[in-house]
Structures are given as C-alpha cells and as structure tokens.
Amino acid sequence: TELLQHVTSQVTASFTRTVTRTLGHVLGRALSRNPIDDYYCYYCREHQIFCEACQKGVQHGANYDQASTVYANYYGNYYGSMYSSGGYAKSFVKTYEEGGEKAEKAGYLKK
C-alpha cells in the first residue's frame, strides 16, 4: 500500500507538471498566434521590406514564450504538489483497494 501511494504520488506529480507545461505552452501559442507575422517575415526575407513588423512579431512570440514558461512552471509545480500530496494519493489508493475488494466479492478476481 505504501509503495502504491509513493508511486502514485510520483507519477501524479510528474504527469501534472508535464501536461501543464506542454499544453499551456502549445495551446497558448496556437491561440495567440498572428498569421500576419508570417506575411511580414516572408517579405522581409524575400524582399527586405516589413522587417520591422516581422521583428516585432518575433519579439512578441519570444515574450509570450517566456511568460508562458514562468506561469506553466508555477502552476505545474503548484498543482503537481497539491495532487501528489499524501491526501490525494491515499484517497486514490483507498478507492483502488475498495474497488478491488468489491470486484473480488463479486467474483471478478480470484486469489
């Protein structure tokens, strides 16, 4: 039981942090992206015009990435710690064990 609680805590903490960081960054970047930046950067590369607008778009993306990383790390660590704390892990293990006992009584599991 203690081993299961420990493993559950570790997996939950890692999974919560990873998912928060990944989805926060990917979804946020996808939803905040401005296609006009591609237009400006294309013309900057090919014809050396709109380079200032392209640079502003690139800088906005870099600023967004930095802020996204800070907030994703904060909330990923916060919720990862919260969900992997003893109470949540014990609750999961208790539910798991109770479910196993019920399944055993019903004849689904054999010892």
Foldseek 3Di string as FASTA:
>chain_A
DVVQLQVVLVVLLVVLLVCLLVCLLVVVCVVPQDCVLVVLVVCCVPPVPSVVVNVVNVVVNVVSNVVSNVVSNVVSNVVSCVCSDNVNSVVVVVVVVVVVVVCVVVPNDDD
